Amino acid sequence: MSEKVCNCNCAENRKEQFKELQPVLDQYAKVPGSLITILQKAQDIYGYLSIDTINYISEATGIKPAKIYGVATFYAQFRLQPIGKYLVMLCQGTACHVNGSEMIEEAVCEHLNIKDGETTEDGLFTLNNVACLGCCSLAPVMMVKSADGDETYGSLTKDKVKQILDEIRERA
């Protein structure tokens, strides 16, 4: 006999839904100036900040959801949409730019059929352009972040970047 699972938004379900976040809230909810820390830790746990997560943080901290949303949208580090299993970060810094980062971005967009900030239909890749990855001597550079760790690829060409993405897709 299977257990009935309630899909309502009752307190018991919300407690279960946010059980991983609760220790963070227990530690920081009443600490002045800790909202960014709470948001960072929530995003580390869930991968992004959903409206439900923002509302739950609001309930725990007493900070209005609109203020939390304002902070989350002000800082580029926060995501309000789920991301793919692999976060593809393309460097757009000066060294990468002069070494062809635009051409690499075009190749990635064409190959994955997405634009900056979008996720592939299969949920595997999300593309993000970033200001600098700090690997200027390897320009142009791409970093791929995943639960397995971060991998950095340098001296990219259009063909090389497509090969890398295909290899990642194969092992996914």
Protein backbone atom coordinates (compact mmCIF):
# COMPACT_ATOMS: atom_id res chain seq x y z
CA MET A 1 0.00 0.00 0.00
CA SER A 2 1.43 3.36 -0.99
CA GLU A 3 1.53 6.43 1.20
CA LYS A 4 -0.63 9.38 0.22
CA VAL A 5 1.44 12.42 -0.56
CA CYS A 6 -0.16 15.79 -0.11
CA ASN A 7 0.70 18.38 -2.75
CA CYS A 8 -0.73 21.35 -0.90
CA ASN A 9 1.31 24.28 0.36
CA CYS A 10 0.67 23.48 4.03
CA ALA A 11 3.23 24.14 6.74
CA GLU A 12 4.19 20.47 6.96
CA ASN A 13 4.97 20.24 3.24
CA ARG A 14 6.87 23.53 3.26
CA LYS A 15 8.93 22.32 6.22
CA GLU A 16 9.81 19.17 4.28
CA GLN A 17 10.47 21.11 1.07
CA PHE A 18 12.93 23.44 2.79
CA LYS A 19 14.48 21.06 5.34
CA GLU A 20 17.97 21.55 3.83
CA LEU A 21 17.64 25.32 4.14
CA GLN A 22 16.37 25.26 7.73
CA PRO A 23 19.79 25.00 9.42
CA VAL A 24 20.90 28.07 7.45
CA LEU A 25 17.81 29.97 8.56
CA ASP A 26 18.27 28.80 12.15
CA GLN A 27 21.79 30.25 12.08
CA TYR A 28 21.25 33.47 10.11
CA ALA A 29 17.55 34.47 10.08
CA LYS A 30 17.85 36.92 12.96
CA VAL A 31 21.37 38.13 12.19
CA PRO A 32 21.27 41.68 10.80
CA GLY A 33 22.84 42.00 7.35
CA SER A 34 22.83 38.28 6.60
CA LEU A 35 20.35 38.23 3.70
CA ILE A 36 23.00 37.81 0.99
CA THR A 37 24.56 34.92 2.91
CA ILE A 38 21.15 33.24 3.22
CA LEU A 39 20.46 33.72 -0.49
CA GLN A 40 23.89 32.35 -1.44
CA LYS A 41 23.40 29.27 0.70
CA ALA A 42 19.85 28.74 -0.59
CA GLN A 43 21.10 28.93 -4.17
CA ASP A 44 23.91 26.48 -3.33
CA ILE A 45 21.27 24.05 -2.04
CA TYR A 46 18.60 24.42 -4.75
CA GLY A 47 20.59 25.70 -7.72
CA TYR A 48 18.49 28.86 -8.00
CA LEU A 49 16.10 31.03 -5.98
CA SER A 50 12.49 30.11 -6.67
CA ILE A 51 9.59 32.32 -5.63
CA ASP A 52 8.70 29.67 -3.03
CA THR A 53 12.23 29.85 -1.63
CA ILE A 54 12.09 33.64 -1.49
CA ASN A 55 8.73 33.49 0.32
CA TYR A 56 10.04 30.90 2.79
CA ILE A 57 13.09 33.05 3.54
CA SER A 58 10.73 35.99 4.02
CA GLU A 59 8.68 34.08 6.56
CA ALA A 60 11.79 33.03 8.49
CA THR A 61 13.51 36.41 8.48
CA GLY A 62 10.62 38.85 8.53
CA ILE A 63 12.06 40.58 5.45
CA LYS A 64 9.40 41.39 2.86
CA PRO A 65 9.53 39.19 -0.27
CA ALA A 66 9.78 42.30 -2.47
CA LYS A 67 12.98 43.36 -0.70
CA ILE A 68 14.45 39.84 -1.01
CA TYR A 69 13.52 39.76 -4.69
CA GLY A 70 15.13 43.18 -5.13
CA VAL A 71 18.39 41.98 -3.63
CA ALA A 72 18.29 38.76 -5.68
CA THR A 73 17.75 40.65 -8.93
CA PHE A 74 20.32 43.35 -8.14
CA TYR A 75 23.27 40.95 -7.83
CA ALA A 76 24.30 39.01 -10.93
CA GLN A 77 25.37 36.02 -8.83
CA PHE A 78 21.76 35.05 -8.12
CA ARG A 79 19.57 33.03 -10.48
CA LEU A 80 15.77 33.03 -10.43
CA GLN A 81 15.44 30.21 -12.96
CA PRO A 82 16.74 26.64 -12.81
CA ILE A 83 20.00 26.05 -14.63
CA GLY A 84 21.24 23.07 -16.60
CA LYS A 85 23.36 20.28 -15.22
CA TYR A 86 26.34 22.02 -16.82
CA LEU A 87 26.80 25.79 -16.53
CA VAL A 88 28.89 26.94 -19.50
CA MET A 89 30.61 30.21 -18.66
CA LEU A 90 32.21 32.05 -21.56
CA CYS A 91 34.78 34.68 -20.72
CA GLN A 92 34.19 38.07 -22.33
CA GLY A 93 37.17 39.82 -20.76
CA THR A 94 39.56 41.93 -22.81
CA ALA A 95 42.09 39.16 -23.56
CA CYS A 96 39.33 36.75 -24.57
CA HIS A 97 37.56 39.40 -26.61
CA VAL A 98 40.63 40.25 -28.68
CA ASN A 99 41.31 36.52 -29.13
CA GLY A 100 37.88 35.68 -30.56
CA SER A 101 35.42 35.13 -27.72
CA GLU A 102 32.58 36.44 -29.92
CA MET A 103 33.31 33.69 -32.46
CA ILE A 104 33.35 31.10 -29.64
CA GLU A 105 30.04 32.40 -28.30
CA GLU A 106 28.48 32.14 -31.77
CA ALA A 107 29.72 28.54 -32.08
CA VAL A 108 28.32 27.58 -28.65
CA CYS A 109 24.98 29.28 -29.32
CA GLU A 110 24.65 27.61 -32.69
CA HIS A 111 25.76 24.20 -31.43
CA LEU A 112 23.48 24.19 -28.37
CA ASN A 113 20.68 26.21 -29.96
CA ILE A 114 20.54 28.66 -27.03
CA LYS A 115 21.54 32.25 -26.27
CA ASP A 116 23.29 33.76 -23.28
CA GLY A 117 21.25 33.11 -20.13
CA GLU A 118 19.24 30.26 -21.67
CA THR A 119 19.13 26.53 -20.95
CA THR A 120 18.94 23.77 -23.53
CA GLU A 121 15.60 22.01 -23.92
CA ASP A 122 17.04 18.83 -22.40
CA GLY A 123 18.12 20.79 -19.29
CA LEU A 124 21.75 19.78 -19.78
CA PHE A 125 23.47 23.11 -20.54
CA THR A 126 22.99 26.72 -19.46
CA LEU A 127 25.08 29.42 -21.14
CA ASN A 128 26.34 32.46 -19.24
CA ASN A 129 28.73 35.11 -20.49
CA VAL A 130 30.98 36.37 -17.70
CA ALA A 131 33.24 39.41 -17.41
CA CYS A 132 36.47 37.51 -16.73
CA LEU A 133 37.51 34.02 -15.64
CA GLY A 134 41.04 35.08 -14.72
CA CYS A 135 42.79 32.81 -17.21
CA CYS A 136 43.88 35.50 -19.65
CA SER A 137 46.96 33.64 -20.88
CA LEU A 138 44.64 30.87 -22.17
CA ALA A 139 42.26 33.20 -24.04
CA PRO A 140 39.65 32.58 -25.26
CA VAL A 141 38.46 30.63 -22.23
CA MET A 142 35.36 28.69 -21.17
CA MET A 143 34.61 27.18 -17.77
CA VAL A 144 32.05 24.41 -17.32
CA LYS A 145 30.65 24.10 -13.79
CA SER A 146 28.82 21.02 -12.60
CA ALA A 147 28.22 18.99 -9.48
CA ASP A 148 31.33 17.02 -10.44
CA GLY A 149 33.50 20.16 -10.29
CA ASP A 150 34.68 22.91 -12.56
CA GLU A 151 36.60 22.36 -15.78
CA THR A 152 38.40 25.19 -17.57
CA TYR A 153 39.18 25.05 -21.28
CA GLY A 154 41.50 27.48 -23.02
CA SER A 155 42.87 28.38 -26.43
CA LEU A 156 39.43 27.63 -27.83
CA THR A 157 38.47 27.42 -31.47
CA LYS A 158 35.00 26.93 -32.93
CA ASP A 159 35.74 23.27 -33.62
CA LYS A 160 37.37 22.67 -30.24
CA VAL A 161 34.43 24.13 -28.30
CA LYS A 162 31.94 21.98 -30.24
CA GLN A 163 34.06 18.88 -29.54
CA ILE A 164 34.19 19.70 -25.82
CA LEU A 165 30.42 20.18 -25.62
CA ASP A 166 29.83 16.92 -27.49
CA GLU A 167 32.14 15.05 -25.09
CA ILE A 168 30.32 16.51 -22.09
CA ARG A 169 26.96 15.54 -23.59
CA GLU A 170 28.19 11.97 -24.19
CA ARG A 171 29.29 11.46 -20.58
CA ALA A 172 26.16 13.09 -19.11
